[in-house]
């Protein structure tokens, strides 16, 4: 597989992560879990205008994207951030940044010729 094809495949693989993080509510949930650690749905809805049902829906989308997981404790689930998903998103952004820098370098060389 060529480097370009490999790069494109890696970005396609990261698309669900970016789609999940593209929603303001889900991004807020990720930020809250990042700041405060594992939390229940009740804890995640505290102080917000989002219902428990809506938070549950958003958590399922984040879970499907590999960003969070739940652990059952008694009658409730505690949701935690899975750093691997965010690390993959970071690597994807770094690849995009490197490609952009290379394109700008080629443009600069072309203009200077």
C-alpha atoms as a PDB file:
ATOM      1  CA  UNK A   1       0.000   0.000   0.000  1.00  0.00           C
ATOM      2  CA  UNK A   2       1.369   3.439  -0.900  1.00  0.00           C
ATOM      3  CA  UNK A   3       2.025   6.054   1.733  1.00  0.00           C
ATOM      4  CA  UNK A   4      -0.817   8.166   0.371  1.00  0.00           C
ATOM      5  CA  UNK A   5      -3.280   5.237   0.486  1.00  0.00           C
ATOM      6  CA  UNK A   6      -2.144   4.383   4.002  1.00  0.00           C
ATOM      7  CA  UNK A   7      -2.641   8.006   5.047  1.00  0.00           C
ATOM      8  CA  UNK A   8      -6.143   8.070   3.532  1.00  0.00           C
ATOM      9  CA  UNK A   9      -7.075   4.788   5.239  1.00  0.00           C
ATOM     10  CA  UNK A  10      -5.904   6.106   8.613  1.00  0.00           C
ATOM     11  CA  UNK A  11      -8.012   9.237   8.198  1.00  0.00           C
ATOM     12  CA  UNK A  12     -11.080   7.195   7.216  1.00  0.00           C
ATOM     13  CA  UNK A  13     -10.562   5.149  10.361  1.00  0.00           C
ATOM     14  CA  UNK A  14     -10.558   8.328  12.454  1.00  0.00           C
ATOM     15  CA  UNK A  15     -13.758   9.704  10.889  1.00  0.00           C
ATOM     16  CA  UNK A  16     -16.127   8.174  13.500  1.00  0.00           C
ATOM     17  CA  UNK A  17     -14.056   9.773  16.267  1.00  0.00           C
ATOM     18  CA  UNK A  18     -14.219  13.210  14.670  1.00  0.00           C
ATOM     19  CA  UNK A  19     -17.934  12.772  13.917  1.00  0.00           C
ATOM     20  CA  UNK A  20     -18.576  11.928  17.576  1.00  0.00           C
ATOM     21  CA  UNK A  21     -16.507  14.883  18.776  1.00  0.00           C
ATOM     22  CA  UNK A  22     -18.171  17.220  16.274  1.00  0.00           C
ATOM     23  CA  UNK A  23     -21.224  17.601  18.500  1.00  0.00           C
ATOM     24  CA  UNK A  24     -20.999  20.293  21.189  1.00  0.00           C
ATOM     25  CA  UNK A  25     -22.772  18.183  23.820  1.00  0.00           C
ATOM     26  CA  UNK A  26     -20.550  15.147  23.217  1.00  0.00           C
ATOM     27  CA  UNK A  27     -17.433  17.294  23.239  1.00  0.00           C
ATOM     28  CA  UNK A  28     -18.604  18.714  26.575  1.00  0.00           C
ATOM     29  CA  UNK A  29     -19.100  15.204  27.970  1.00  0.00           C
ATOM     30  CA  UNK A  30     -15.583  14.219  26.892  1.00  0.00           C
ATOM     31  CA  UNK A  31     -14.166  17.390  28.466  1.00  0.00           C
ATOM     32  CA  UNK A  32     -16.044  16.715  31.697  1.00  0.00           C
ATOM     33  CA  UNK A  33     -14.804  13.116  31.870  1.00  0.00           C
ATOM     34  CA  UNK A  34     -11.298  14.344  31.117  1.00  0.00           C
ATOM     35  CA  UNK A  35     -11.427  16.931  33.915  1.00  0.00           C
ATOM     36  CA  UNK A  36     -13.336  14.983  36.578  1.00  0.00           C
ATOM     37  CA  UNK A  37     -12.723  11.327  35.788  1.00  0.00           C
ATOM     38  CA  UNK A  38     -15.363   8.591  35.662  1.00  0.00           C
ATOM     39  CA  UNK A  39     -18.945   9.716  36.258  1.00  0.00           C
ATOM     40  CA  UNK A  40     -22.478   8.405  36.265  1.00  0.00           C
ATOM     41  CA  UNK A  41     -25.164   9.720  33.940  1.00  0.00           C
ATOM     42  CA  UNK A  42     -26.599  11.638  36.886  1.00  0.00           C
ATOM     43  CA  UNK A  43     -23.201  13.233  37.464  1.00  0.00           C
ATOM     44  CA  UNK A  44     -22.832  14.085  33.792  1.00  0.00           C
ATOM     45  CA  UNK A  45     -26.234  15.795  33.647  1.00  0.00           C
ATOM     46  CA  UNK A  46     -25.689  17.758  36.843  1.00  0.00           C
ATOM     47  CA  UNK A  47     -25.540  21.483  36.157  1.00  0.00           C
ATOM     48  CA  UNK A  48     -26.546  21.149  32.517  1.00  0.00           C
ATOM     49  CA  UNK A  49     -29.774  21.532  30.597  1.00  0.00           C
ATOM     50  CA  UNK A  50     -29.365  18.130  28.957  1.00  0.00           C
ATOM     51  CA  UNK A  51     -31.662  15.306  30.037  1.00  0.00           C
ATOM     52  CA  UNK A  52     -30.404  11.948  31.266  1.00  0.00           C
ATOM     53  CA  UNK A  53     -31.941  10.318  28.199  1.00  0.00           C
ATOM     54  CA  UNK A  54     -30.041  12.691  25.891  1.00  0.00           C
ATOM     55  CA  UNK A  55     -26.763  12.137  27.763  1.00  0.00           C
ATOM     56  CA  UNK A  56     -27.286   8.378  27.472  1.00  0.00           C
ATOM     57  CA  UNK A  57     -27.755   8.713  23.713  1.00  0.00           C
ATOM     58  CA  UNK A  58     -24.603  10.822  23.396  1.00  0.00           C
ATOM     59  CA  UNK A  59     -22.609   8.377  25.536  1.00  0.00           C
ATOM     60  CA  UNK A  60     -23.623   5.503  23.249  1.00  0.00           C
ATOM     61  CA  UNK A  61     -22.335   7.428  20.230  1.00  0.00           C
ATOM     62  CA  UNK A  62     -19.065   8.162  22.050  1.00  0.00           C
ATOM     63  CA  UNK A  63     -18.848   4.489  23.042  1.00  0.00           C
ATOM     64  CA  UNK A  64     -19.384   3.359  19.439  1.00  0.00           C
ATOM     65  CA  UNK A  65     -16.524   5.666  18.419  1.00  0.00           C
ATOM     66  CA  UNK A  66     -14.260   4.074  21.047  1.00  0.00           C
ATOM     67  CA  UNK A  67     -13.971   7.201  23.170  1.00  0.00           C
ATOM     68  CA  UNK A  68     -15.716   6.083  26.372  1.00  0.00           C
ATOM     69  CA  UNK A  69     -16.688   2.898  28.170  1.00  0.00           C
ATOM     70  CA  UNK A  70     -19.014   2.038  31.030  1.00  0.00           C
ATOM     71  CA  UNK A  71     -18.427  -0.028  34.126  1.00  0.00           C
ATOM     72  CA  UNK A  72     -21.398  -1.221  36.105  1.00  0.00           C
ATOM     73  CA  UNK A  73     -21.330  -0.335  39.818  1.00  0.00           C
ATOM     74  CA  UNK A  74     -24.438  -1.496  41.594  1.00  0.00           C
ATOM     75  CA  UNK A  75     -27.466   0.009  39.911  1.00  0.00           C
ATOM     76  CA  UNK A  76     -25.597   2.605  37.878  1.00  0.00           C
ATOM     77  CA  UNK A  77     -22.948   2.730  35.218  1.00  0.00           C
ATOM     78  CA  UNK A  78     -19.812   4.827  35.610  1.00  0.00           C
ATOM     79  CA  UNK A  79     -18.545   6.208  32.329  1.00  0.00           C
ATOM     80  CA  UNK A  80     -14.870   6.812  31.724  1.00  0.00           C
ATOM     81  CA  UNK A  81     -12.769   8.236  28.951  1.00  0.00           C
ATOM     82  CA  UNK A  82     -10.733   5.833  26.815  1.00  0.00           C
ATOM     83  CA  UNK A  83      -7.565   7.763  25.970  1.00  0.00           C
ATOM     84  CA  UNK A  84      -6.734   5.547  22.980  1.00  0.00           C
ATOM     85  CA  UNK A  85      -9.503   7.102  20.897  1.00  0.00           C
ATOM     86  CA  UNK A  86      -8.275  10.606  21.580  1.00  0.00           C
ATOM     87  CA  UNK A  87      -4.687   9.564  20.892  1.00  0.00           C
ATOM     88  CA  UNK A  88      -5.733   8.246  17.473  1.00  0.00           C
ATOM     89  CA  UNK A  89      -7.503  11.541  16.746  1.00  0.00           C
ATOM     90  CA  UNK A  90      -4.352  13.413  17.771  1.00  0.00           C
ATOM     91  CA  UNK A  91      -2.224  11.269  15.432  1.00  0.00           C
ATOM     92  CA  UNK A  92      -4.662  11.934  12.584  1.00  0.00           C
ATOM     93  CA  UNK A  93      -4.482  15.680  13.165  1.00  0.00           C
ATOM     94  CA  UNK A  94      -0.686  15.487  13.226  1.00  0.00           C
ATOM     95  CA  UNK A  95      -0.710  13.655   9.859  1.00  0.00           C
ATOM     96  CA  UNK A  96      -2.991  16.315   8.399  1.00  0.00           C
ATOM     97  CA  UNK A  97      -0.751  19.049   9.797  1.00  0.00           C
ATOM     98  CA  UNK A  98       2.362  17.450   8.280  1.00  0.00           C
ATOM     99  CA  UNK A  99       0.650  17.109   4.898  1.00  0.00           C
ATOM    100  CA  UNK A 100      -0.429  20.754   5.068  1.00  0.00           C
ATOM    101  CA  UNK A 101       3.096  21.881   5.966  1.00  0.00           C
ATOM    102  CA  UNK A 102       4.498  19.881   3.035  1.00  0.00           C
ATOM    103  CA  UNK A 103       1.949  21.421   0.650  1.00  0.00           C
ATOM    104  CA  UNK A 104       2.824  24.919   1.852  1.00  0.00           C
ATOM    105  CA  UNK A 105       6.518  24.120   1.391  1.00  0.00           C
ATOM    106  CA  UNK A 106       5.901  23.012  -2.193  1.00  0.00           C
ATOM    107  CA  UNK A 107       3.877  26.163  -2.850  1.00  0.00           C
ATOM    108  CA  UNK A 108       6.630  28.357  -1.395  1.00  0.00           C
ATOM    109  CA  UNK A 109       9.269  26.611  -3.562  1.00  0.00           C
ATOM    110  CA  UNK A 110       7.071  27.050  -6.661  1.00  0.00           C
ATOM    111  CA  UNK A 111       6.462  30.751  -5.983  1.00  0.00           C
ATOM    112  CA  UNK A 112      10.140  31.420  -5.279  1.00  0.00           C
ATOM    113  CA  UNK A 113      11.227  29.812  -8.573  1.00  0.00           C
END
